[in-house]
């Protein structure tokens, strides 16, 4: 279950070398980015105001249960990150496993630029992350429309659904790639982690991909959103993943979003 209350600060101290940058200058984030350094592997990265909620989810609330996940990883894991946003999940993984190879997919230009800026500022990890500025789908198509908060700032709740969030007042057209093409074109016969956080698109991606290809991923880390009472909800996704061969656990993040961990049955 995501960490709540004071325990979030314990998680912050576990992952960040300079946690007091957050504690002492918390209110200053409304005026400037705060710059953090991870541990044990040192990676510096900025966090601007629009990204603090994502930062807290990953580095403080520990929605991906990172300690237990890392224990199950080989020395050089292969990871697919769908909905990479500003790359905080990738930074966290590389702060624990320096030889991870990550295929990161993020459609928002401002977000992909943020990832590339962090990679440029940390040459030690620059070759570990391959960044693709595309949206991932299950059904082939050249472009899709995304509804986003702003074209000028980092967007954290971009969705293919116009009514996903009332803050998504802008629309952009973005290039796409299917999960099938990601796996086949990169010759990924095995994937150690597939992380997916794409604001409702998880259903299109999984329901329209051959289960045999999905099962190339040993572990799935998903954020699943309750969109309707038919097939687009946590109950239906849980059943789908169990039926194709995964042991599944999930915990609520909020009233319509769930953190899901699915491990391929042996």
C-alpha atoms as a PDB file:
ATOM      1  CA  UNK A   1       0.000   0.000   0.000  1.00  0.00           C
ATOM      2  CA  UNK A   2       1.315   3.496  -0.765  1.00  0.00           C
ATOM      3  CA  UNK A   3       3.068   5.018   2.238  1.00  0.00           C
ATOM      4  CA  UNK A   4       1.116   7.718   4.068  1.00  0.00           C
ATOM      5  CA  UNK A   5       1.752  10.335   6.740  1.00  0.00           C
ATOM      6  CA  UNK A   6       5.102  10.760   8.454  1.00  0.00           C
ATOM      7  CA  UNK A   7       6.419   7.489   7.010  1.00  0.00           C
ATOM      8  CA  UNK A   8       6.701   9.263   3.641  1.00  0.00           C
ATOM      9  CA  UNK A   9       9.636  11.220   5.054  1.00  0.00           C
ATOM     10  CA  UNK A  10      11.368   7.993   6.061  1.00  0.00           C
ATOM     11  CA  UNK A  11      11.100   6.905   2.408  1.00  0.00           C
ATOM     12  CA  UNK A  12      12.463  10.282   1.304  1.00  0.00           C
ATOM     13  CA  UNK A  13      15.553   9.754   3.496  1.00  0.00           C
ATOM     14  CA  UNK A  14      16.012   6.250   2.013  1.00  0.00           C
ATOM     15  CA  UNK A  15      16.134   7.459  -1.574  1.00  0.00           C
ATOM     16  CA  UNK A  16      17.428  11.044  -1.505  1.00  0.00           C
ATOM     17  CA  UNK A  17      20.840  12.246  -0.291  1.00  0.00           C
ATOM     18  CA  UNK A  18      19.619  15.784   0.385  1.00  0.00           C
ATOM     19  CA  UNK A  19      16.116  15.295   1.823  1.00  0.00           C
ATOM     20  CA  UNK A  20      16.267  18.581   3.727  1.00  0.00           C
ATOM     21  CA  UNK A  21      16.126  20.344   0.368  1.00  0.00           C
ATOM     22  CA  UNK A  22      12.494  19.216   0.337  1.00  0.00           C
ATOM     23  CA  UNK A  23      11.769  19.629   4.037  1.00  0.00           C
ATOM     24  CA  UNK A  24      13.332  23.068   4.553  1.00  0.00           C
ATOM     25  CA  UNK A  25      12.444  24.574   1.187  1.00  0.00           C
ATOM     26  CA  UNK A  26       9.072  22.963   0.602  1.00  0.00           C
ATOM     27  CA  UNK A  27       7.280  26.267   0.069  1.00  0.00           C
ATOM     28  CA  UNK A  28       9.979  27.516  -2.301  1.00  0.00           C
ATOM     29  CA  UNK A  29       8.925  24.961  -4.897  1.00  0.00           C
ATOM     30  CA  UNK A  30       6.195  27.440  -5.861  1.00  0.00           C
ATOM     31  CA  UNK A  31       8.964  29.787  -7.006  1.00  0.00           C
ATOM     32  CA  UNK A  32      11.727  27.525  -8.325  1.00  0.00           C
ATOM     33  CA  UNK A  33      12.716  23.963  -9.042  1.00  0.00           C
ATOM     34  CA  UNK A  34      14.323  22.006  -6.238  1.00  0.00           C
ATOM     35  CA  UNK A  35      17.304  19.821  -7.160  1.00  0.00           C
ATOM     36  CA  UNK A  36      17.710  16.421  -5.556  1.00  0.00           C
ATOM     37  CA  UNK A  37      20.452  13.780  -5.530  1.00  0.00           C
ATOM     38  CA  UNK A  38      19.593  10.096  -5.244  1.00  0.00           C
ATOM     39  CA  UNK A  39      21.324   7.373  -3.267  1.00  0.00           C
ATOM     40  CA  UNK A  40      23.139   5.058  -3.247  1.00  0.00           C
ATOM     41  CA  UNK A  41      23.975   5.812  -6.896  1.00  0.00           C
ATOM     42  CA  UNK A  42      24.215   9.572  -7.329  1.00  0.00           C
ATOM     43  CA  UNK A  43      21.869  11.068  -9.904  1.00  0.00           C
ATOM     44  CA  UNK A  44      20.960  14.750  -9.817  1.00  0.00           C
ATOM     45  CA  UNK A  45      17.583  15.849 -11.100  1.00  0.00           C
ATOM     46  CA  UNK A  46      15.331  18.920 -10.777  1.00  0.00           C
ATOM     47  CA  UNK A  47      11.694  18.868  -9.711  1.00  0.00           C
ATOM     48  CA  UNK A  48       9.528  21.749 -10.883  1.00  0.00           C
ATOM     49  CA  UNK A  49       6.152  22.663  -9.379  1.00  0.00           C
ATOM     50  CA  UNK A  50       3.965  20.603 -11.787  1.00  0.00           C
ATOM     51  CA  UNK A  51       6.012  17.484 -10.996  1.00  0.00           C
ATOM     52  CA  UNK A  52       5.947  17.447  -7.209  1.00  0.00           C
ATOM     53  CA  UNK A  53       2.949  15.132  -7.007  1.00  0.00           C
ATOM     54  CA  UNK A  54       4.753  12.569  -9.183  1.00  0.00           C
ATOM     55  CA  UNK A  55       7.938  13.034  -7.148  1.00  0.00           C
ATOM     56  CA  UNK A  56       6.028  12.343  -3.925  1.00  0.00           C
ATOM     57  CA  UNK A  57       4.286   9.279  -5.363  1.00  0.00           C
ATOM     58  CA  UNK A  58       7.584   7.689  -6.437  1.00  0.00           C
ATOM     59  CA  UNK A  59      10.136   8.841  -3.851  1.00  0.00           C
ATOM     60  CA  UNK A  60       7.933   9.286  -0.765  1.00  0.00           C
ATOM     61  CA  UNK A  61       4.723   7.252  -1.130  1.00  0.00           C
ATOM     62  CA  UNK A  62       6.685   4.431  -2.807  1.00  0.00           C
ATOM     63  CA  UNK A  63       3.788   3.401  -5.065  1.00  0.00           C
ATOM     64  CA  UNK A  64       6.062   0.934  -6.884  1.00  0.00           C
ATOM     65  CA  UNK A  65       7.298  -0.830  -3.721  1.00  0.00           C
ATOM     66  CA  UNK A  66      10.798  -0.299  -5.021  1.00  0.00           C
ATOM     67  CA  UNK A  67      12.795  -2.149  -2.322  1.00  0.00           C
ATOM     68  CA  UNK A  68      10.999  -5.441  -2.943  1.00  0.00           C
ATOM     69  CA  UNK A  69      11.032  -4.926  -6.709  1.00  0.00           C
ATOM     70  CA  UNK A  70      14.794  -4.346  -6.787  1.00  0.00           C
ATOM     71  CA  UNK A  71      15.375  -7.540  -4.783  1.00  0.00           C
ATOM     72  CA  UNK A  72      13.840  -9.538  -7.620  1.00  0.00           C
ATOM     73  CA  UNK A  73      15.908  -7.957 -10.391  1.00  0.00           C
ATOM     74  CA  UNK A  74      19.016  -9.359 -12.077  1.00  0.00           C
ATOM     75  CA  UNK A  75      22.192  -7.297 -12.270  1.00  0.00           C
ATOM     76  CA  UNK A  76      21.293  -5.912 -15.705  1.00  0.00           C
ATOM     77  CA  UNK A  77      17.510  -5.793 -15.940  1.00  0.00           C
ATOM     78  CA  UNK A  78      15.648  -4.795 -19.093  1.00  0.00           C
ATOM     79  CA  UNK A  79      12.791  -2.384 -18.410  1.00  0.00           C
ATOM     80  CA  UNK A  80      10.007  -0.867 -20.496  1.00  0.00           C
ATOM     81  CA  UNK A  81       8.640   2.385 -19.072  1.00  0.00           C
ATOM     82  CA  UNK A  82       5.331   3.374 -20.699  1.00  0.00           C
ATOM     83  CA  UNK A  83       4.254   6.836 -19.631  1.00  0.00           C
ATOM     84  CA  UNK A  84       7.699   7.827 -18.416  1.00  0.00           C
ATOM     85  CA  UNK A  85       6.594  11.391 -17.632  1.00  0.00           C
ATOM     86  CA  UNK A  86       9.718  13.251 -16.435  1.00  0.00           C
ATOM     87  CA  UNK A  87      11.684  10.043 -15.860  1.00  0.00           C
ATOM     88  CA  UNK A  88      11.473   9.846 -12.066  1.00  0.00           C
ATOM     89  CA  UNK A  89      10.828   6.080 -12.075  1.00  0.00           C
ATOM     90  CA  UNK A  90      13.864   5.588 -14.316  1.00  0.00           C
ATOM     91  CA  UNK A  91      16.003   7.750 -12.034  1.00  0.00           C
ATOM     92  CA  UNK A  92      14.872   5.759  -8.993  1.00  0.00           C
ATOM     93  CA  UNK A  93      15.629   2.412 -10.667  1.00  0.00           C
ATOM     94  CA  UNK A  94      19.084   3.557 -11.819  1.00  0.00           C
ATOM     95  CA  UNK A  95      19.841   4.889  -8.350  1.00  0.00           C
ATOM     96  CA  UNK A  96      19.515   1.282  -7.144  1.00  0.00           C
ATOM     97  CA  UNK A  97      20.610  -0.735 -10.202  1.00  0.00           C
ATOM     98  CA  UNK A  98      23.276   1.087 -12.174  1.00  0.00           C
ATOM     99  CA  UNK A  99      23.305  -1.316 -15.139  1.00  0.00           C
ATOM    100  CA  UNK A 100      19.569  -1.311 -15.878  1.00  0.00           C
ATOM    101  CA  UNK A 101      18.586  -0.761 -19.511  1.00  0.00           C
ATOM    102  CA  UNK A 102      15.396   1.235 -19.899  1.00  0.00           C
ATOM    103  CA  UNK A 103      13.228   1.807 -22.957  1.00  0.00           C
ATOM    104  CA  UNK A 104      11.256   4.930 -22.014  1.00  0.00           C
ATOM    105  CA  UNK A 105       8.126   6.072 -23.879  1.00  0.00           C
ATOM    106  CA  UNK A 106       6.584   9.490 -23.227  1.00  0.00           C
ATOM    107  CA  UNK A 107       4.488  11.538 -25.682  1.00  0.00           C
ATOM    108  CA  UNK A 108       4.618  15.018 -24.079  1.00  0.00           C
ATOM    109  CA  UNK A 109       7.491  17.080 -25.558  1.00  0.00           C
ATOM    110  CA  UNK A 110       8.158  19.038 -22.352  1.00  0.00           C
ATOM    111  CA  UNK A 111       8.405  15.801 -20.370  1.00  0.00           C
ATOM    112  CA  UNK A 112      10.761  14.071 -22.805  1.00  0.00           C
ATOM    113  CA  UNK A 113      12.959  17.173 -22.792  1.00  0.00           C
ATOM    114  CA  UNK A 114      13.115  16.925 -19.011  1.00  0.00           C
ATOM    115  CA  UNK A 115      14.301  13.303 -19.249  1.00  0.00           C
ATOM    116  CA  UNK A 116      16.959  14.214 -21.800  1.00  0.00           C
ATOM    117  CA  UNK A 117      18.137  17.139 -19.658  1.00  0.00           C
ATOM    118  CA  UNK A 118      18.605  14.812 -16.684  1.00  0.00           C
ATOM    119  CA  UNK A 119      20.489  12.292 -18.834  1.00  0.00           C
ATOM    120  CA  UNK A 120      22.759  15.024 -20.212  1.00  0.00           C
ATOM    121  CA  UNK A 121      23.487  16.237 -16.679  1.00  0.00           C
ATOM    122  CA  UNK A 122      24.349  12.706 -15.512  1.00  0.00           C
ATOM    123  CA  UNK A 123      26.634  11.126 -18.138  1.00  0.00           C
ATOM    124  CA  UNK A 124      26.966   7.953 -16.069  1.00  0.00           C
ATOM    125  CA  UNK A 125      23.351   7.010 -16.925  1.00  0.00           C
ATOM    126  CA  UNK A 126      23.021   8.613 -20.350  1.00  0.00           C
ATOM    127  CA  UNK A 127      23.372   5.341 -22.243  1.00  0.00           C
ATOM    128  CA  UNK A 128      21.058   3.441 -19.884  1.00  0.00           C
ATOM    129  CA  UNK A 129      17.842   5.127 -21.020  1.00  0.00           C
ATOM    130  CA  UNK A 130      16.564   5.163 -24.605  1.00  0.00           C
ATOM    131  CA  UNK A 131      13.902   7.876 -24.837  1.00  0.00           C
ATOM    132  CA  UNK A 132      11.082   7.765 -27.403  1.00  0.00           C
ATOM    133  CA  UNK A 133       8.710  10.717 -27.762  1.00  0.00           C
ATOM    134  CA  UNK A 134       5.601   8.687 -28.646  1.00  0.00           C
ATOM    135  CA  UNK A 135       2.403   7.474 -27.034  1.00  0.00           C
ATOM    136  CA  UNK A 136       2.005   3.725 -26.625  1.00  0.00           C
ATOM    137  CA  UNK A 137      -1.163   2.021 -27.857  1.00  0.00           C
ATOM    138  CA  UNK A 138      -2.517  -1.477 -28.347  1.00  0.00           C
ATOM    139  CA  UNK A 139      -4.152  -0.737 -31.688  1.00  0.00           C
ATOM    140  CA  UNK A 140      -1.922   0.496 -34.561  1.00  0.00           C
ATOM    141  CA  UNK A 141      -2.349   4.073 -35.741  1.00  0.00           C
ATOM    142  CA  UNK A 142      -0.124   6.930 -36.818  1.00  0.00           C
ATOM    143  CA  UNK A 143      -1.324   9.580 -34.350  1.00  0.00           C
ATOM    144  CA  UNK A 144      -3.733  10.107 -31.476  1.00  0.00           C
ATOM    145  CA  UNK A 145      -5.061  13.168 -29.682  1.00  0.00           C
ATOM    146  CA  UNK A 146      -3.995  13.723 -26.085  1.00  0.00           C
ATOM    147  CA  UNK A 147      -5.694  16.069 -23.652  1.00  0.00           C
ATOM    148  CA  UNK A 148      -3.128  17.800 -21.462  1.00  0.00           C
ATOM    149  CA  UNK A 149      -2.865  20.529 -18.855  1.00  0.00           C
ATOM    150  CA  UNK A 150      -0.440  22.778 -20.737  1.00  0.00           C
ATOM    151  CA  UNK A 151       1.874  22.646 -23.719  1.00  0.00           C
ATOM    152  CA  UNK A 152       4.361  24.914 -21.945  1.00  0.00           C
ATOM    153  CA  UNK A 153       4.736  23.053 -18.653  1.00  0.00           C
ATOM    154  CA  UNK A 154       5.268  19.438 -17.655  1.00  0.00           C
ATOM    155  CA  UNK A 155       1.993  17.543 -17.827  1.00  0.00           C
ATOM    156  CA  UNK A 156       1.307  14.681 -15.405  1.00  0.00           C
ATOM    157  CA  UNK A 157      -2.296  13.695 -16.201  1.00  0.00           C
ATOM    158  CA  UNK A 158      -2.346  13.673 -20.014  1.00  0.00           C
ATOM    159  CA  UNK A 159      -4.965  11.274 -21.340  1.00  0.00           C
ATOM    160  CA  UNK A 160      -6.658  10.118 -24.524  1.00  0.00           C
ATOM    161  CA  UNK A 161      -9.958  10.837 -22.738  1.00  0.00           C
ATOM    162  CA  UNK A 162     -11.189  14.444 -22.859  1.00  0.00           C
ATOM    163  CA  UNK A 163     -13.011  14.068 -19.549  1.00  0.00           C
ATOM    164  CA  UNK A 164     -10.231  12.267 -17.666  1.00  0.00           C
ATOM    165  CA  UNK A 165      -9.354  15.391 -15.671  1.00  0.00           C
ATOM    166  CA  UNK A 166     -10.864  18.863 -15.685  1.00  0.00           C
ATOM    167  CA  UNK A 167      -7.376  20.403 -15.781  1.00  0.00           C
ATOM    168  CA  UNK A 168      -6.730  18.958 -19.241  1.00  0.00           C
ATOM    169  CA  UNK A 169      -7.831  22.045 -21.162  1.00  0.00           C
ATOM    170  CA  UNK A 170      -5.476  21.633 -24.145  1.00  0.00           C
ATOM    171  CA  UNK A 171      -5.232  19.069 -26.934  1.00  0.00           C
ATOM    172  CA  UNK A 172      -2.210  17.947 -28.933  1.00  0.00           C
ATOM    173  CA  UNK A 173      -1.676  15.302 -31.623  1.00  0.00           C
ATOM    174  CA  UNK A 174       1.167  12.857 -30.974  1.00  0.00           C
ATOM    175  CA  UNK A 175       2.871   9.972 -32.752  1.00  0.00           C
ATOM    176  CA  UNK A 176       2.184   6.445 -31.550  1.00  0.00           C
ATOM    177  CA  UNK A 177       3.767   3.016 -31.309  1.00  0.00           C
ATOM    178  CA  UNK A 178       2.131  -0.244 -30.266  1.00  0.00           C
ATOM    179  CA  UNK A 179       3.377  -2.373 -27.398  1.00  0.00           C
ATOM    180  CA  UNK A 180       3.703  -5.162 -29.975  1.00  0.00           C
ATOM    181  CA  UNK A 181       6.165  -3.088 -32.002  1.00  0.00           C
ATOM    182  CA  UNK A 182       8.113  -2.093 -28.896  1.00  0.00           C
ATOM    183  CA  UNK A 183       8.702  -5.728 -28.012  1.00  0.00           C
ATOM    184  CA  UNK A 184       9.298  -7.109 -31.502  1.00  0.00           C
ATOM    185  CA  UNK A 185      11.330  -4.283 -33.029  1.00  0.00           C
ATOM    186  CA  UNK A 186      13.657  -4.166 -30.011  1.00  0.00           C
ATOM    187  CA  UNK A 187      13.991  -7.973 -30.023  1.00  0.00           C
ATOM    188  CA  UNK A 188      12.903  -8.153 -26.392  1.00  0.00           C
ATOM    189  CA  UNK A 189      12.543 -11.860 -25.712  1.00  0.00           C
ATOM    190  CA  UNK A 190      12.488 -11.154 -21.963  1.00  0.00           C
ATOM    191  CA  UNK A 191      11.567  -8.009 -20.037  1.00  0.00           C
ATOM    192  CA  UNK A 192      12.236  -7.808 -16.316  1.00  0.00           C
ATOM    193  CA  UNK A 193       9.833  -4.937 -15.597  1.00  0.00           C
ATOM    194  CA  UNK A 194       7.104  -3.328 -17.660  1.00  0.00           C
ATOM    195  CA  UNK A 195       5.931  -0.173 -15.900  1.00  0.00           C
ATOM    196  CA  UNK A 196       2.773   1.481 -17.237  1.00  0.00           C
ATOM    197  CA  UNK A 197       1.295   4.813 -16.118  1.00  0.00           C
ATOM    198  CA  UNK A 198      -0.757   6.295 -18.943  1.00  0.00           C
ATOM    199  CA  UNK A 199      -4.002   7.664 -17.492  1.00  0.00           C
ATOM    200  CA  UNK A 200      -6.548   5.210 -18.857  1.00  0.00           C
ATOM    201  CA  UNK A 201      -4.699   3.944 -21.932  1.00  0.00           C
ATOM    202  CA  UNK A 202      -3.642   0.826 -20.021  1.00  0.00           C
ATOM    203  CA  UNK A 203      -6.806  -0.910 -21.190  1.00  0.00           C
ATOM    204  CA  UNK A 204      -6.191  -0.353 -24.909  1.00  0.00           C
ATOM    205  CA  UNK A 205      -2.550  -1.379 -24.507  1.00  0.00           C
ATOM    206  CA  UNK A 206      -3.196  -4.654 -22.677  1.00  0.00           C
ATOM    207  CA  UNK A 207      -6.508  -5.744 -24.136  1.00  0.00           C
ATOM    208  CA  UNK A 208      -5.240  -5.278 -27.704  1.00  0.00           C
ATOM    209  CA  UNK A 209      -1.826  -6.928 -27.361  1.00  0.00           C
ATOM    210  CA  UNK A 210      -1.198 -10.657 -27.812  1.00  0.00           C
ATOM    211  CA  UNK A 211      -0.987 -12.131 -24.274  1.00  0.00           C
ATOM    212  CA  UNK A 212       2.032 -14.169 -25.393  1.00  0.00           C
ATOM    213  CA  UNK A 213       3.909 -10.902 -25.940  1.00  0.00           C
ATOM    214  CA  UNK A 214       2.762  -9.425 -22.643  1.00  0.00           C
ATOM    215  CA  UNK A 215       4.046 -12.550 -20.882  1.00  0.00           C
ATOM    216  CA  UNK A 216       7.563 -11.712 -22.028  1.00  0.00           C
ATOM    217  CA  UNK A 217       7.469  -9.307 -19.078  1.00  0.00           C
ATOM    218  CA  UNK A 218       8.224 -11.081 -15.807  1.00  0.00           C
ATOM    219  CA  UNK A 219       6.799  -8.224 -13.717  1.00  0.00           C
ATOM    220  CA  UNK A 220       4.185  -5.582 -14.461  1.00  0.00           C
ATOM    221  CA  UNK A 221       3.968  -2.381 -12.420  1.00  0.00           C
ATOM    222  CA  UNK A 222       0.796  -0.556 -13.391  1.00  0.00           C
ATOM    223  CA  UNK A 223      -1.374   2.346 -12.397  1.00  0.00           C
ATOM    224  CA  UNK A 224      -4.913   1.255 -13.250  1.00  0.00           C
ATOM    225  CA  UNK A 225      -7.793   3.738 -13.348  1.00  0.00           C
ATOM    226  CA  UNK A 226     -11.471   2.996 -12.833  1.00  0.00           C
ATOM    227  CA  UNK A 227     -13.147   4.405 -15.947  1.00  0.00           C
ATOM    228  CA  UNK A 228     -16.397   2.434 -16.161  1.00  0.00           C
ATOM    229  CA  UNK A 229     -18.219  -0.579 -14.737  1.00  0.00           C
ATOM    230  CA  UNK A 230     -17.644  -2.812 -17.778  1.00  0.00           C
ATOM    231  CA  UNK A 231     -14.072  -3.719 -18.776  1.00  0.00           C
ATOM    232  CA  UNK A 232     -12.185  -0.564 -17.853  1.00  0.00           C
ATOM    233  CA  UNK A 233     -11.784  -0.969 -14.107  1.00  0.00           C
ATOM    234  CA  UNK A 234      -9.470  -2.604 -11.604  1.00  0.00           C
ATOM    235  CA  UNK A 235     -11.640  -5.715 -11.204  1.00  0.00           C
ATOM    236  CA  UNK A 236     -11.634  -6.430 -14.938  1.00  0.00           C
ATOM    237  CA  UNK A 237      -7.910  -5.708 -15.311  1.00  0.00           C
ATOM    238  CA  UNK A 238      -7.093  -7.930 -12.325  1.00  0.00           C
ATOM    239  CA  UNK A 239      -9.034 -10.816 -13.889  1.00  0.00           C
ATOM    240  CA  UNK A 240      -7.425 -10.242 -17.300  1.00  0.00           C
ATOM    241  CA  UNK A 241      -3.912 -10.377 -15.867  1.00  0.00           C
ATOM    242  CA  UNK A 242      -4.659 -13.483 -13.791  1.00  0.00           C
ATOM    243  CA  UNK A 243      -6.177 -15.201 -16.824  1.00  0.00           C
ATOM    244  CA  UNK A 244      -3.069 -14.604 -18.954  1.00  0.00           C
ATOM    245  CA  UNK A 245      -0.704 -15.970 -16.324  1.00  0.00           C
ATOM    246  CA  UNK A 246       0.127 -13.430 -13.601  1.00  0.00           C
ATOM    247  CA  UNK A 247      -0.194 -13.391  -9.835  1.00  0.00           C
ATOM    248  CA  UNK A 248      -1.688  -9.994  -9.083  1.00  0.00           C
ATOM    249  CA  UNK A 249      -1.864  -7.689  -6.075  1.00  0.00           C
ATOM    250  CA  UNK A 250      -3.148  -4.148  -5.993  1.00  0.00           C
ATOM    251  CA  UNK A 251      -3.662  -1.294  -3.559  1.00  0.00           C
ATOM    252  CA  UNK A 252      -5.581   1.979  -3.940  1.00  0.00           C
ATOM    253  CA  UNK A 253      -3.631   5.169  -4.602  1.00  0.00           C
ATOM    254  CA  UNK A 254      -6.777   7.295  -4.552  1.00  0.00           C
ATOM    255  CA  UNK A 255     -10.501   6.762  -5.102  1.00  0.00           C
ATOM    256  CA  UNK A 256     -10.164   5.764  -8.764  1.00  0.00           C
ATOM    257  CA  UNK A 257      -6.515   4.775  -9.261  1.00  0.00           C
ATOM    258  CA  UNK A 258      -4.761   1.607  -8.111  1.00  0.00           C
ATOM    259  CA  UNK A 259      -1.127   0.511  -7.877  1.00  0.00           C
ATOM    260  CA  UNK A 260      -0.863  -2.967  -9.393  1.00  0.00           C
ATOM    261  CA  UNK A 261       2.007  -5.432  -9.164  1.00  0.00           C
ATOM    262  CA  UNK A 262       1.722  -8.526 -11.343  1.00  0.00           C
ATOM    263  CA  UNK A 263       4.355 -11.281 -11.330  1.00  0.00           C
ATOM    264  CA  UNK A 264       4.459 -13.919 -14.047  1.00  0.00           C
ATOM    265  CA  UNK A 265       3.657 -17.367 -12.678  1.00  0.00           C
ATOM    266  CA  UNK A 266       6.428 -19.903 -13.184  1.00  0.00           C
END
